N, C-alpha and C. Protein backbone atom coordinates (compact mmCIF):
# COMPACT_ATOMS: atom_id res chain seq x y z
N MET A 1 0.94 -0.97 0.06
CA MET A 1 0.14 -0.05 -0.08
C MET A 1 0.95 1.25 0.07
N ILE A 2 0.72 2.33 -0.64
CA ILE A 2 1.28 3.40 -0.91
C ILE A 2 0.52 4.53 -0.09
N PHE A 3 1.21 5.06 0.86
CA PHE A 3 0.66 6.15 1.70
C PHE A 3 0.74 7.58 1.06
N LEU A 4 0.11 8.42 0.72
CA LEU A 4 0.01 9.62 0.23
C LEU A 4 0.28 10.67 1.17
N ILE A 5 1.34 11.49 1.56
CA ILE A 5 1.45 12.58 2.42
C ILE A 5 0.49 14.04 1.83
N ASN A 6 -0.40 14.31 2.78
CA ASN A 6 -1.21 15.30 2.56
C ASN A 6 -0.37 16.62 2.39
N LYS A 7 -0.15 17.07 1.28
CA LYS A 7 0.70 18.32 1.08
C LYS A 7 -0.36 19.80 0.97
N ILE A 8 -1.88 19.38 0.86
CA ILE A 8 -2.56 20.42 0.73
C ILE A 8 -2.97 21.24 2.16
N ILE A 9 -2.58 22.62 2.02
CA ILE A 9 -3.06 23.46 3.21
C ILE A 9 -3.63 24.60 2.62
N SER A 10 -4.15 25.60 3.56
CA SER A 10 -4.83 26.67 3.28
C SER A 10 -3.45 27.84 2.83
N VAL A 11 -4.32 28.87 2.03
CA VAL A 11 -3.47 30.03 1.88
C VAL A 11 -2.89 30.79 3.25
N LYS A 12 -3.50 30.78 4.13
CA LYS A 12 -3.23 31.23 5.42
C LYS A 12 -2.29 30.50 6.12
N GLU A 13 -2.22 29.10 6.24
CA GLU A 13 -1.39 28.19 6.72
C GLU A 13 -0.23 28.44 5.89
N ALA A 14 -0.07 28.61 4.70
CA ALA A 14 1.22 28.65 3.85
C ALA A 14 2.12 29.97 4.09
N ALA A 15 0.95 30.90 4.18
CA ALA A 15 1.68 32.43 4.36
C ALA A 15 2.30 32.30 5.72
N GLU A 16 1.98 31.69 6.70
CA GLU A 16 2.58 31.76 8.10
C GLU A 16 3.88 30.84 8.01
N LYS A 17 4.34 30.21 6.87
CA LYS A 17 5.45 29.61 6.82
C LYS A 17 6.65 30.40 6.58
N VAL A 18 6.16 31.93 6.19
CA VAL A 18 7.23 32.89 5.93
C VAL A 18 7.10 33.98 7.25
N GLN A 19 8.45 33.89 7.87
CA GLN A 19 8.53 34.70 8.88
C GLN A 19 9.70 35.62 9.00
N ASP A 20 9.77 36.63 9.80
CA ASP A 20 10.40 37.91 9.89
C ASP A 20 12.15 37.31 9.47
N GLY A 21 12.55 38.05 8.86
CA GLY A 21 14.12 37.92 8.57
C GLY A 21 14.51 36.61 7.47
N MET A 22 13.35 35.86 7.07
CA MET A 22 13.75 35.09 6.22
C MET A 22 14.23 35.36 4.80
N THR A 23 14.77 34.50 3.95
CA THR A 23 15.21 34.70 2.61
C THR A 23 14.21 33.90 1.72
N ILE A 24 13.45 34.51 0.74
CA ILE A 24 12.51 33.74 0.01
C ILE A 24 12.63 33.96 -1.53
N MET A 25 12.36 33.04 -2.36
CA MET A 25 12.31 33.26 -3.57
C MET A 25 10.89 33.20 -4.08
N VAL A 26 10.73 34.06 -4.98
CA VAL A 26 9.23 34.12 -5.61
C VAL A 26 9.31 33.96 -7.05
N GLY A 27 8.54 32.94 -7.90
CA GLY A 27 8.72 32.63 -9.08
C GLY A 27 7.74 33.77 -9.93
N GLY A 28 7.97 33.97 -11.10
CA GLY A 28 7.10 34.84 -11.82
C GLY A 28 8.17 35.74 -12.98
N PHE A 29 7.50 36.30 -13.79
CA PHE A 29 8.12 37.28 -14.79
C PHE A 29 7.07 38.23 -15.14
N LEU A 30 7.59 39.69 -14.78
CA LEU A 30 6.51 40.87 -14.67
C LEU A 30 5.19 40.39 -14.10
N ALA A 31 5.09 39.62 -13.07
CA ALA A 31 4.00 39.06 -12.30
C ALA A 31 3.26 38.02 -13.14
N ASN A 32 3.54 37.69 -14.13
CA ASN A 32 3.03 36.21 -14.66
C ASN A 32 3.90 35.11 -14.23
N GLY A 33 2.85 34.03 -13.89
CA GLY A 33 3.51 32.95 -13.21
C GLY A 33 3.95 33.30 -11.40
N THR A 34 3.08 34.54 -11.11
CA THR A 34 3.40 34.60 -9.74
C THR A 34 2.20 34.23 -8.68
N PRO A 35 2.40 33.78 -7.41
CA PRO A 35 1.53 33.22 -6.74
C PRO A 35 0.73 34.37 -5.88
N GLU A 36 -0.20 35.06 -6.76
CA GLU A 36 -0.82 36.07 -6.21
C GLU A 36 -1.36 36.16 -4.79
N ASN A 37 -2.14 34.90 -4.51
CA ASN A 37 -3.11 34.79 -3.23
C ASN A 37 -2.09 34.62 -2.32
N LEU A 38 -0.78 33.86 -2.63
CA LEU A 38 0.22 33.71 -1.18
C LEU A 38 0.64 35.11 -0.83
N ILE A 39 1.08 35.86 -2.15
CA ILE A 39 1.61 37.10 -1.90
C ILE A 39 0.62 38.10 -0.96
N ASP A 40 -0.64 38.16 -1.38
CA ASP A 40 -1.71 38.89 -0.81
C ASP A 40 -1.74 38.67 1.06
N ALA A 41 -1.83 37.17 0.89
CA ALA A 41 -1.78 36.77 2.40
C ALA A 41 -0.43 37.36 3.18
N ILE A 42 0.52 36.89 2.67
CA ILE A 42 1.91 37.35 3.32
C ILE A 42 1.98 39.26 3.44
N VAL A 43 1.42 39.85 2.42
CA VAL A 43 1.21 41.19 2.75
C VAL A 43 0.04 41.56 4.12
N LYS A 44 -0.64 40.82 4.29
CA LYS A 44 -1.56 40.90 5.26
C LYS A 44 -1.00 40.58 6.61
N ASN A 45 -0.19 39.71 6.66
CA ASN A 45 0.88 39.02 7.93
C ASN A 45 1.71 40.22 8.03
N ASN A 46 2.16 41.02 7.29
CA ASN A 46 2.92 42.08 7.31
C ASN A 46 4.28 41.76 8.03
N VAL A 47 4.80 40.54 7.65
CA VAL A 47 6.25 40.04 7.97
C VAL A 47 7.43 40.85 7.44
N LYS A 48 8.45 41.17 8.23
CA LYS A 48 9.48 42.23 7.75
C LYS A 48 10.70 41.69 7.75
N ASN A 49 11.74 42.68 7.29
CA ASN A 49 13.25 42.24 7.05
C ASN A 49 13.47 41.02 6.16
N LEU A 50 12.73 41.06 5.26
CA LEU A 50 12.67 39.68 4.40
C LEU A 50 13.83 40.05 3.05
N THR A 51 14.57 38.98 2.86
CA THR A 51 15.40 39.03 1.60
C THR A 51 14.82 38.35 0.63
N LEU A 52 14.51 39.14 -0.61
CA LEU A 52 13.77 38.89 -1.76
C LEU A 52 14.74 38.12 -2.98
N ILE A 53 14.48 36.99 -3.49
CA ILE A 53 15.16 36.74 -4.86
C ILE A 53 14.16 36.24 -5.99
N CYS A 54 13.95 37.12 -6.77
CA CYS A 54 13.28 37.25 -7.91
C CYS A 54 13.65 37.60 -9.26
N ASN A 55 13.06 37.47 -10.22
CA ASN A 55 13.34 37.97 -11.62
C ASN A 55 13.24 39.62 -11.67
N ASP A 56 12.34 39.90 -11.21
CA ASP A 56 11.75 41.34 -10.84
C ASP A 56 11.00 41.77 -9.96
N THR A 57 10.59 43.14 -9.56
CA THR A 57 9.95 43.28 -8.54
C THR A 57 8.48 43.62 -9.07
N GLY A 58 7.71 43.41 -10.34
CA GLY A 58 6.63 43.32 -10.75
C GLY A 58 6.25 44.82 -10.60
N PHE A 59 4.80 45.19 -10.30
CA PHE A 59 4.44 46.30 -10.41
C PHE A 59 3.89 46.82 -8.96
N PRO A 60 3.53 48.17 -8.67
CA PRO A 60 2.98 48.63 -7.23
C PRO A 60 1.75 47.42 -7.01
N ASP A 61 1.02 47.15 -7.69
CA ASP A 61 -0.28 46.68 -7.47
C ASP A 61 -0.25 45.15 -8.02
N LYS A 62 0.76 44.48 -8.46
CA LYS A 62 0.61 43.17 -8.67
C LYS A 62 2.06 42.47 -8.42
N GLY A 63 2.00 41.26 -8.25
CA GLY A 63 3.16 40.43 -8.12
C GLY A 63 3.72 40.78 -6.77
N VAL A 64 5.15 40.60 -6.62
CA VAL A 64 6.03 40.85 -5.45
C VAL A 64 5.86 42.53 -5.08
N GLY A 65 5.61 43.20 -6.16
CA GLY A 65 5.54 44.54 -5.79
C GLY A 65 4.53 45.03 -4.97
N LYS A 66 3.74 44.28 -4.69
CA LYS A 66 2.54 44.61 -3.42
C LYS A 66 3.57 44.53 -2.09
N MET A 67 4.21 43.56 -2.16
CA MET A 67 5.36 43.63 -0.73
C MET A 67 6.07 44.70 -0.77
N VAL A 68 6.69 44.99 -1.92
CA VAL A 68 7.60 45.96 -1.86
C VAL A 68 7.07 47.43 -1.22
N VAL A 69 5.72 47.73 -1.85
CA VAL A 69 4.69 48.94 -1.49
C VAL A 69 4.63 48.67 0.09
N ASN A 70 4.66 47.60 0.67
CA ASN A 70 4.31 47.46 1.83
C ASN A 70 5.50 47.48 2.84
N LYS A 71 6.86 47.55 2.35
CA LYS A 71 8.16 47.70 2.89
C LYS A 71 8.52 46.43 3.70
N GLN A 72 8.28 45.13 3.02
CA GLN A 72 8.77 43.94 3.80
C GLN A 72 9.99 43.53 3.56
N PHE A 73 10.77 44.11 2.48
CA PHE A 73 12.09 43.65 2.20
C PHE A 73 13.29 44.52 2.90
N LYS A 74 14.28 43.90 3.37
CA LYS A 74 15.34 44.64 3.67
C LYS A 74 16.41 44.46 2.61
N LYS A 75 16.41 43.54 1.46
CA LYS A 75 17.20 43.39 0.51
C LYS A 75 16.65 42.73 -0.64
N ILE A 76 16.84 43.05 -1.90
CA ILE A 76 16.28 42.47 -3.14
C ILE A 76 17.45 42.16 -4.08
N ILE A 77 17.23 41.01 -4.53
CA ILE A 77 18.07 40.39 -5.48
C ILE A 77 17.21 40.32 -6.66
N ALA A 78 17.55 40.81 -7.77
CA ALA A 78 16.73 40.97 -8.95
C ALA A 78 17.26 41.31 -10.23
N SER A 79 16.71 41.12 -11.48
CA SER A 79 17.50 41.49 -12.57
C SER A 79 16.79 42.84 -13.10
N HIS A 80 15.72 42.94 -12.56
CA HIS A 80 15.05 43.95 -13.20
C HIS A 80 14.00 44.80 -12.06
N VAL A 81 13.80 46.17 -12.08
CA VAL A 81 13.00 46.83 -11.05
C VAL A 81 12.16 47.93 -11.66
N GLY A 82 12.66 48.01 -13.04
CA GLY A 82 12.04 49.44 -13.47
C GLY A 82 10.50 49.45 -13.71
N THR A 83 9.71 48.49 -13.57
CA THR A 83 8.53 48.65 -13.53
C THR A 83 7.75 48.90 -12.06
N ASN A 84 8.36 48.97 -11.23
CA ASN A 84 8.02 49.29 -10.03
C ASN A 84 8.69 50.60 -9.36
N PRO A 85 8.17 51.63 -9.49
CA PRO A 85 8.92 52.94 -9.01
C PRO A 85 9.36 52.76 -7.46
N GLU A 86 8.39 52.15 -6.86
CA GLU A 86 8.64 52.04 -5.25
C GLU A 86 10.10 51.42 -4.91
N THR A 87 10.12 50.42 -5.71
CA THR A 87 11.33 49.79 -5.52
C THR A 87 12.87 50.86 -5.81
N ALA A 88 12.70 51.53 -6.74
CA ALA A 88 13.63 52.69 -7.05
C ALA A 88 13.88 53.61 -5.65
N ASN A 89 12.76 54.18 -5.29
CA ASN A 89 12.58 55.02 -4.49
C ASN A 89 13.14 54.32 -2.98
N GLN A 90 12.80 53.22 -2.60
CA GLN A 90 13.40 52.53 -1.28
C GLN A 90 15.09 52.44 -1.62
N MET A 91 15.61 51.93 -2.98
CA MET A 91 16.81 51.95 -3.24
C MET A 91 17.71 53.07 -2.94
N ASN A 92 17.03 54.15 -3.71
CA ASN A 92 17.72 55.48 -3.59
C ASN A 92 17.74 56.12 -2.20
N SER A 93 16.84 55.83 -1.30
CA SER A 93 16.63 56.33 -0.05
C SER A 93 17.43 55.54 0.94
N GLY A 94 18.03 54.33 0.50
CA GLY A 94 18.85 53.44 1.39
C GLY A 94 17.98 52.63 2.19
N GLU A 95 16.78 52.60 2.11
CA GLU A 95 15.73 51.85 2.83
C GLU A 95 15.95 50.55 2.59
N THR A 96 16.02 50.21 1.53
CA THR A 96 16.36 48.65 0.78
C THR A 96 17.56 48.45 0.13
N GLU A 97 18.23 47.54 0.25
CA GLU A 97 19.27 47.12 -0.41
C GLU A 97 18.66 46.41 -1.71
N VAL A 98 19.18 47.11 -3.06
CA VAL A 98 18.95 46.22 -4.25
C VAL A 98 20.19 45.73 -4.90
N VAL A 99 20.06 44.63 -4.99
CA VAL A 99 21.28 44.05 -5.90
C VAL A 99 20.95 43.63 -7.28
N LEU A 100 21.25 44.40 -8.38
CA LEU A 100 20.89 44.18 -9.77
C LEU A 100 21.75 43.14 -10.26
N THR A 101 21.28 41.99 -10.80
CA THR A 101 21.96 40.84 -11.36
C THR A 101 21.59 40.80 -12.64
N PRO A 102 22.45 40.44 -13.69
CA PRO A 102 21.98 40.18 -15.00
C PRO A 102 20.99 38.83 -14.99
N GLN A 103 20.17 38.69 -15.79
CA GLN A 103 19.12 37.72 -15.59
C GLN A 103 19.60 36.34 -15.86
N GLY A 104 20.37 36.17 -16.84
CA GLY A 104 21.20 34.68 -16.99
C GLY A 104 22.05 34.41 -15.66
N THR A 105 22.80 35.35 -15.13
CA THR A 105 23.45 35.09 -14.15
C THR A 105 22.65 34.69 -13.09
N LEU A 106 21.29 35.53 -12.74
CA LEU A 106 20.49 35.39 -11.78
C LEU A 106 20.17 33.91 -11.68
N ALA A 107 19.55 33.36 -13.08
CA ALA A 107 18.94 31.95 -13.03
C ALA A 107 20.37 31.07 -12.63
N GLU A 108 21.45 31.34 -13.36
CA GLU A 108 22.38 30.21 -12.91
C GLU A 108 22.90 30.46 -11.54
N LYS A 109 22.66 31.25 -10.56
CA LYS A 109 22.88 31.18 -9.40
C LYS A 109 21.96 30.55 -8.53
N VAL A 110 20.75 30.74 -9.15
CA VAL A 110 19.77 29.75 -8.23
C VAL A 110 19.82 28.39 -8.78
N ARG A 111 20.17 28.10 -10.15
CA ARG A 111 20.48 26.66 -10.49
C ARG A 111 21.64 26.14 -9.45
N CYS A 112 22.76 26.65 -9.52
CA CYS A 112 23.65 26.30 -8.40
C CYS A 112 23.12 26.04 -7.16
N GLY A 113 22.44 27.02 -6.42
CA GLY A 113 21.96 26.77 -5.19
C GLY A 113 21.01 25.41 -5.24
N GLY A 114 20.50 25.37 -6.26
CA GLY A 114 19.56 24.00 -6.36
C GLY A 114 20.23 22.60 -6.47
N ASN A 115 21.55 22.61 -7.16
CA ASN A 115 22.40 21.59 -7.41
C ASN A 115 23.31 21.58 -6.47
N GLY A 116 23.66 22.21 -5.53
CA GLY A 116 24.62 22.05 -4.83
C GLY A 116 25.95 22.36 -5.06
N LEU A 117 26.03 23.25 -5.95
CA LEU A 117 27.12 23.72 -6.31
C LEU A 117 27.85 24.90 -5.70
N GLY A 118 29.06 25.14 -5.85
CA GLY A 118 29.55 26.05 -5.06
C GLY A 118 29.80 27.62 -5.64
N GLY A 119 29.14 27.68 -6.99
CA GLY A 119 29.21 28.73 -7.75
C GLY A 119 29.80 28.55 -9.25
N PHE A 120 30.03 29.41 -9.94
CA PHE A 120 30.42 29.42 -11.43
C PHE A 120 31.19 30.68 -11.94
N TYR A 121 31.84 30.50 -12.96
CA TYR A 121 32.65 31.83 -13.66
C TYR A 121 31.96 32.16 -14.70
N THR A 122 31.52 33.49 -14.92
CA THR A 122 30.90 34.02 -16.11
C THR A 122 31.61 35.24 -16.59
N PRO A 123 31.62 35.52 -17.80
CA PRO A 123 32.13 36.89 -18.27
C PRO A 123 31.27 38.18 -18.09
N THR A 124 30.13 37.47 -17.90
CA THR A 124 28.74 38.53 -17.80
C THR A 124 29.01 39.72 -16.64
N GLY A 125 29.51 41.11 -16.99
CA GLY A 125 29.63 41.96 -16.14
C GLY A 125 30.91 42.31 -15.91
N ILE A 126 31.84 41.88 -16.44
CA ILE A 126 33.28 42.24 -16.62
C ILE A 126 33.36 43.77 -17.17
N GLY A 127 33.79 44.45 -16.32
CA GLY A 127 34.26 45.89 -16.70
C GLY A 127 33.03 46.61 -16.27
N THR A 128 31.96 46.28 -15.43
CA THR A 128 30.97 46.92 -15.01
C THR A 128 31.05 46.91 -13.49
N GLU A 129 29.92 47.51 -12.91
CA GLU A 129 29.72 47.42 -11.38
C GLU A 129 29.75 45.95 -10.76
N ALA A 130 29.02 45.11 -11.55
CA ALA A 130 28.57 43.82 -11.36
C ALA A 130 30.07 43.02 -10.85
N GLU A 131 31.13 43.49 -11.16
CA GLU A 131 32.48 42.78 -11.03
C GLU A 131 32.91 43.36 -9.59
N ILE A 132 32.45 44.22 -8.91
CA ILE A 132 33.01 44.96 -7.73
C ILE A 132 32.75 43.71 -6.52
N GLY A 133 34.04 43.73 -5.90
CA GLY A 133 33.99 42.94 -4.69
C GLY A 133 34.06 41.42 -5.07
N LYS A 134 34.15 41.16 -6.43
CA LYS A 134 34.10 39.63 -6.48
C LYS A 134 35.38 39.14 -7.05
N GLU A 135 35.44 37.71 -7.07
CA GLU A 135 36.84 37.27 -7.43
C GLU A 135 36.93 37.10 -8.94
N LYS A 136 37.91 37.14 -9.22
CA LYS A 136 37.95 37.58 -10.91
C LYS A 136 39.29 36.30 -11.40
N LYS A 137 39.18 35.70 -12.56
CA LYS A 137 40.00 34.72 -12.91
C LYS A 137 40.04 34.85 -14.63
N VAL A 138 41.29 34.74 -15.01
CA VAL A 138 41.50 34.61 -16.46
C VAL A 138 41.49 33.16 -16.96
N ILE A 139 40.77 32.86 -17.68
CA ILE A 139 40.63 31.26 -18.35
C ILE A 139 41.08 31.43 -19.76
N ASP A 140 42.11 30.91 -20.05
CA ASP A 140 42.04 30.99 -21.87
C ASP A 140 41.99 32.26 -22.51
N GLY A 141 42.62 33.34 -21.55
CA GLY A 141 42.95 34.48 -22.23
C GLY A 141 41.81 35.43 -21.72
N GLN A 142 40.54 34.75 -21.40
CA GLN A 142 39.13 35.46 -21.19
C GLN A 142 39.04 35.68 -19.52
N GLU A 143 38.70 36.92 -19.19
CA GLU A 143 38.65 37.62 -17.85
C GLU A 143 37.08 36.99 -17.35
N TYR A 144 36.82 36.11 -16.08
CA TYR A 144 35.69 35.85 -15.88
C TYR A 144 35.52 36.46 -14.33
N ILE A 145 34.25 36.36 -14.00
CA ILE A 145 33.82 36.74 -12.64
C ILE A 145 33.16 35.55 -11.91
N PHE A 146 33.68 35.50 -10.74
CA PHE A 146 32.99 34.20 -10.17
C PHE A 146 31.75 34.60 -9.19
N GLU A 147 30.76 33.91 -9.33
CA GLU A 147 29.29 34.31 -9.01
C GLU A 147 29.05 33.07 -7.68
N LEU A 148 28.51 33.31 -6.71
CA LEU A 148 28.04 32.65 -5.57
C LEU A 148 26.70 31.95 -5.98
N PRO A 149 26.29 30.78 -5.45
CA PRO A 149 25.03 30.35 -5.43
C PRO A 149 24.07 31.10 -4.62
N LEU A 150 22.65 30.97 -4.96
CA LEU A 150 21.63 31.36 -4.42
C LEU A 150 20.62 30.27 -3.69
N LYS A 151 20.18 30.54 -2.43
CA LYS A 151 19.38 29.68 -1.76
C LYS A 151 18.45 30.48 -0.94
N ALA A 152 17.16 29.71 -0.73
CA ALA A 152 16.13 30.35 0.06
C ALA A 152 15.69 29.77 1.57
N ASP A 153 15.22 30.23 2.02
CA ASP A 153 14.44 29.35 3.26
C ASP A 153 13.01 28.93 2.82
N VAL A 154 12.35 29.94 1.84
CA VAL A 154 11.14 29.32 1.20
C VAL A 154 11.04 29.82 -0.01
N ALA A 155 10.60 29.13 -1.00
CA ALA A 155 10.19 29.35 -2.40
C ALA A 155 8.86 29.26 -2.50
N LEU A 156 8.09 30.57 -2.99
CA LEU A 156 6.71 30.52 -3.41
C LEU A 156 6.39 30.39 -4.88
N LEU A 157 5.85 29.57 -5.47
CA LEU A 157 5.59 29.20 -6.78
C LEU A 157 4.22 29.35 -7.43
N LYS A 158 4.12 29.18 -8.49
CA LYS A 158 2.61 29.42 -9.18
C LYS A 158 2.74 28.20 -10.15
N ALA A 159 1.71 27.31 -10.30
CA ALA A 159 1.38 26.39 -11.52
C ALA A 159 -0.02 26.18 -11.89
N SER A 160 -0.22 25.93 -13.20
CA SER A 160 -1.46 25.76 -13.79
C SER A 160 -2.38 24.54 -13.11
N VAL A 161 -1.56 23.43 -13.09
CA VAL A 161 -2.30 22.06 -12.64
C VAL A 161 -1.22 21.50 -11.67
N VAL A 162 -1.61 20.96 -10.68
CA VAL A 162 -0.73 20.42 -9.86
C VAL A 162 -1.23 19.21 -9.28
N ASP A 163 -0.81 18.23 -9.17
CA ASP A 163 -1.34 16.94 -8.63
C ASP A 163 -1.11 16.78 -7.18
N LYS A 164 -1.74 16.06 -6.41
CA LYS A 164 -1.39 15.98 -5.11
C LYS A 164 -0.35 15.47 -4.60
N LYS A 165 0.66 15.11 -5.49
CA LYS A 165 2.04 14.80 -4.69
C LYS A 165 2.83 16.08 -5.26
N GLY A 166 2.24 16.98 -5.86
CA GLY A 166 2.95 18.17 -6.31
C GLY A 166 3.62 18.11 -7.54
N ASN A 167 3.56 17.32 -8.31
CA ASN A 167 3.82 17.40 -9.81
C ASN A 167 3.18 18.46 -10.48
N MET A 168 3.87 19.26 -11.44
CA MET A 168 3.47 20.66 -11.72
C MET A 168 3.55 20.60 -13.34
N VAL A 169 2.67 21.42 -13.58
CA VAL A 169 2.48 21.61 -15.24
C VAL A 169 2.12 23.33 -15.22
N PHE A 170 2.74 23.88 -16.17
CA PHE A 170 2.90 25.31 -16.16
C PHE A 170 2.29 25.74 -17.49
N ALA A 171 1.70 26.91 -17.52
CA ALA A 171 0.75 27.43 -18.68
C ALA A 171 1.79 28.24 -19.55
N LYS A 172 2.51 27.90 -20.44
CA LYS A 172 3.22 28.72 -21.40
C LYS A 172 4.03 29.39 -20.83
N THR A 173 4.28 30.86 -21.04
CA THR A 173 5.52 31.43 -20.30
C THR A 173 5.62 31.63 -18.67
N THR A 174 4.43 31.06 -17.99
CA THR A 174 4.17 31.34 -16.90
C THR A 174 5.47 30.42 -16.29
N LYS A 175 5.92 29.34 -16.99
CA LYS A 175 6.93 28.42 -16.34
C LYS A 175 8.16 29.24 -15.92
N ASN A 176 8.68 30.30 -16.52
CA ASN A 176 9.77 30.97 -16.16
C ASN A 176 10.88 30.56 -15.06
N PHE A 177 10.81 31.26 -13.88
CA PHE A 177 11.79 30.73 -12.86
C PHE A 177 11.17 29.87 -11.83
N ASN A 178 9.95 29.67 -12.09
CA ASN A 178 9.27 28.55 -11.07
C ASN A 178 9.95 27.03 -10.76
N PRO A 179 10.23 26.48 -11.91
CA PRO A 179 10.86 24.92 -11.68
C PRO A 179 12.19 25.43 -11.00
N LEU A 180 12.81 26.29 -11.85
CA LEU A 180 14.50 26.50 -11.15
C LEU A 180 14.27 26.66 -9.53
N MET A 181 13.46 27.70 -9.09
CA MET A 181 13.46 27.98 -7.56
C MET A 181 12.88 26.89 -6.94
N ALA A 182 12.13 25.78 -7.56
CA ALA A 182 11.54 24.89 -6.58
C ALA A 182 12.45 23.87 -6.18
N THR A 183 13.97 23.85 -6.60
CA THR A 183 15.09 22.92 -6.34
C THR A 183 15.88 23.82 -4.92
N ALA A 184 15.56 25.05 -5.00
CA ALA A 184 16.85 25.93 -4.10
C ALA A 184 16.30 26.42 -2.74
N ALA A 185 15.30 25.91 -2.50
CA ALA A 185 14.80 26.09 -1.09
C ALA A 185 14.43 25.15 -0.11
N LYS A 186 14.67 25.53 1.23
CA LYS A 186 14.40 24.51 2.05
C LYS A 186 12.90 24.12 2.35
N VAL A 187 12.01 25.04 2.01
CA VAL A 187 10.32 25.00 2.01
C VAL A 187 9.96 25.20 0.84
N VAL A 188 9.07 24.53 -0.20
CA VAL A 188 8.67 25.22 -1.16
C VAL A 188 7.18 24.76 -1.30
N ILE A 189 6.51 25.95 -1.53
CA ILE A 189 5.03 25.96 -1.43
C ILE A 189 4.72 26.47 -2.96
N VAL A 190 3.58 25.52 -3.61
CA VAL A 190 3.03 26.07 -4.98
C VAL A 190 1.83 26.39 -4.81
N GLU A 191 1.24 27.36 -5.32
CA GLU A 191 -0.11 27.85 -5.50
C GLU A 191 -0.56 27.45 -6.96
N ALA A 192 -1.38 26.42 -6.61
CA ALA A 192 -2.33 25.93 -8.17
C ALA A 192 -3.29 26.43 -8.53
N ASP A 193 -3.42 26.68 -9.82
CA ASP A 193 -4.89 27.16 -10.39
C ASP A 193 -5.87 25.85 -10.38
N LYS A 194 -5.38 24.62 -10.33
CA LYS A 194 -6.09 23.41 -10.19
C LYS A 194 -5.23 22.53 -9.76
N ILE A 195 -6.16 21.67 -8.69
CA ILE A 195 -5.38 20.39 -8.12
C ILE A 195 -6.15 19.45 -8.66
N VAL A 196 -5.37 18.29 -8.76
CA VAL A 196 -6.13 17.10 -9.52
C VAL A 196 -5.35 15.88 -8.73
N GLU A 197 -5.94 14.69 -9.02
CA GLU A 197 -5.36 13.49 -8.26
C GLU A 197 -4.19 13.07 -9.10
N VAL A 198 -3.42 12.28 -8.08
CA VAL A 198 -2.26 11.57 -8.73
C VAL A 198 -2.67 10.45 -9.70
N GLY A 199 -1.93 10.96 -11.14
CA GLY A 199 -2.14 10.08 -12.08
C GLY A 199 -2.96 10.70 -13.14
N GLU A 200 -3.54 11.81 -12.84
CA GLU A 200 -4.44 12.73 -13.94
C GLU A 200 -3.42 13.37 -14.81
N ILE A 201 -2.11 13.76 -14.21
CA ILE A 201 -1.31 14.34 -15.34
C ILE A 201 -0.56 13.32 -16.04
N ASP A 202 -0.51 13.58 -17.26
CA ASP A 202 0.45 12.59 -18.01
C ASP A 202 1.69 12.74 -17.66
N GLN A 203 2.57 11.77 -17.58
CA GLN A 203 3.87 11.87 -16.86
C GLN A 203 4.85 12.63 -17.96
N ASP A 204 4.65 12.73 -19.22
CA ASP A 204 5.38 13.26 -20.27
C ASP A 204 5.05 14.71 -20.12
N ARG A 205 3.83 15.31 -19.27
CA ARG A 205 3.70 16.81 -19.29
C ARG A 205 3.96 17.38 -18.05
N VAL A 206 4.46 16.58 -17.09
CA VAL A 206 5.07 16.91 -15.64
C VAL A 206 6.51 17.78 -16.17
N MET A 207 6.31 19.12 -15.68
CA MET A 207 7.27 20.14 -16.00
C MET A 207 8.26 20.39 -14.66
N CYS A 208 7.64 19.77 -13.47
CA CYS A 208 8.73 19.97 -12.50
C CYS A 208 8.10 18.79 -11.43
N SER A 209 8.90 18.21 -10.89
CA SER A 209 8.78 16.93 -10.17
C SER A 209 7.91 17.53 -8.52
N GLY A 210 7.14 16.59 -8.06
CA GLY A 210 6.70 16.92 -6.88
C GLY A 210 7.56 16.59 -5.58
N ILE A 211 8.67 15.97 -5.99
CA ILE A 211 9.75 15.70 -4.83
C ILE A 211 10.19 16.85 -4.11
N PHE A 212 10.14 18.03 -5.29
CA PHE A 212 10.55 19.28 -4.51
C PHE A 212 9.82 20.03 -3.59
N VAL A 213 8.26 19.70 -3.88
CA VAL A 213 7.34 20.45 -3.24
C VAL A 213 6.73 20.03 -1.81
N ASP A 214 6.65 20.94 -1.00
CA ASP A 214 6.23 20.77 0.64
C ASP A 214 4.97 20.83 0.81
N TYR A 215 4.39 21.98 0.17
CA TYR A 215 2.82 22.25 0.41
C TYR A 215 2.13 22.85 -0.78
N ILE A 216 0.91 22.46 -0.97
CA ILE A 216 0.05 23.04 -2.27
C ILE A 216 -0.95 23.74 -1.72
N VAL A 217 -1.17 24.88 -2.31
CA VAL A 217 -2.24 25.73 -1.96
C VAL A 217 -3.24 25.77 -3.15
N GLY A 218 -4.84 25.70 -3.26
CA GLY A 218 -5.20 25.93 -4.19
C GLY A 218 -5.73 27.60 -4.30
N GLY A 219 -5.74 27.87 -5.67
CA GLY A 219 -6.17 29.49 -5.59
C GLY A 219 -7.30 30.00 -4.88
N ASP A 220 -8.45 28.87 -4.94
CA ASP A 220 -9.72 29.34 -4.28
C ASP A 220 -9.67 29.02 -2.75
N LYS A 221 -8.39 28.64 -2.22
CA LYS A 221 -8.72 28.73 -0.59
C LYS A 221 -8.10 29.83 0.02
């Protein structure tokens, strides 16, 4: 007999997994593929001094931008913040530390974190502010920057269809950073548009394995 661990919890219960001072990863690209219900609940909980790892900070009224407006982050690591003026305001005032990271570098840093790697060398950023304070090395005549991995306490993801084991299917471009971040956090919570029984998702359609998922919330909970 196979016993299935119940991973389904309420949005309220899931939001309480995020505590003051934690580092969180949030999936999405300009708020597409972002767990909006989880974000709303975390805004309501008003946890503070968080470190955010994400592709971008969304918009003031959408995605993680709502948490930025609520001043919940002490540090943000992202590749783009231009669509949320509040991020720039907090950065310029010194209220929030913002580390701008090239998008490909950001993705690889998360991948390294999820795969237990110590980092990687990249030529991206040579000759720019991105190289300040980082180890550099010349390999075959090319100068490289050494980038460290990124990991989080909690990853907040969004998927279109999730079975009760946590196997995920993403709709089109909503896939973005979600499966990558699933590997790089101690606790992984996925918000699903639809939750189905185990076996209802064809194995060839699974885009991210449920082995990485600790908790599942339905968008209507």
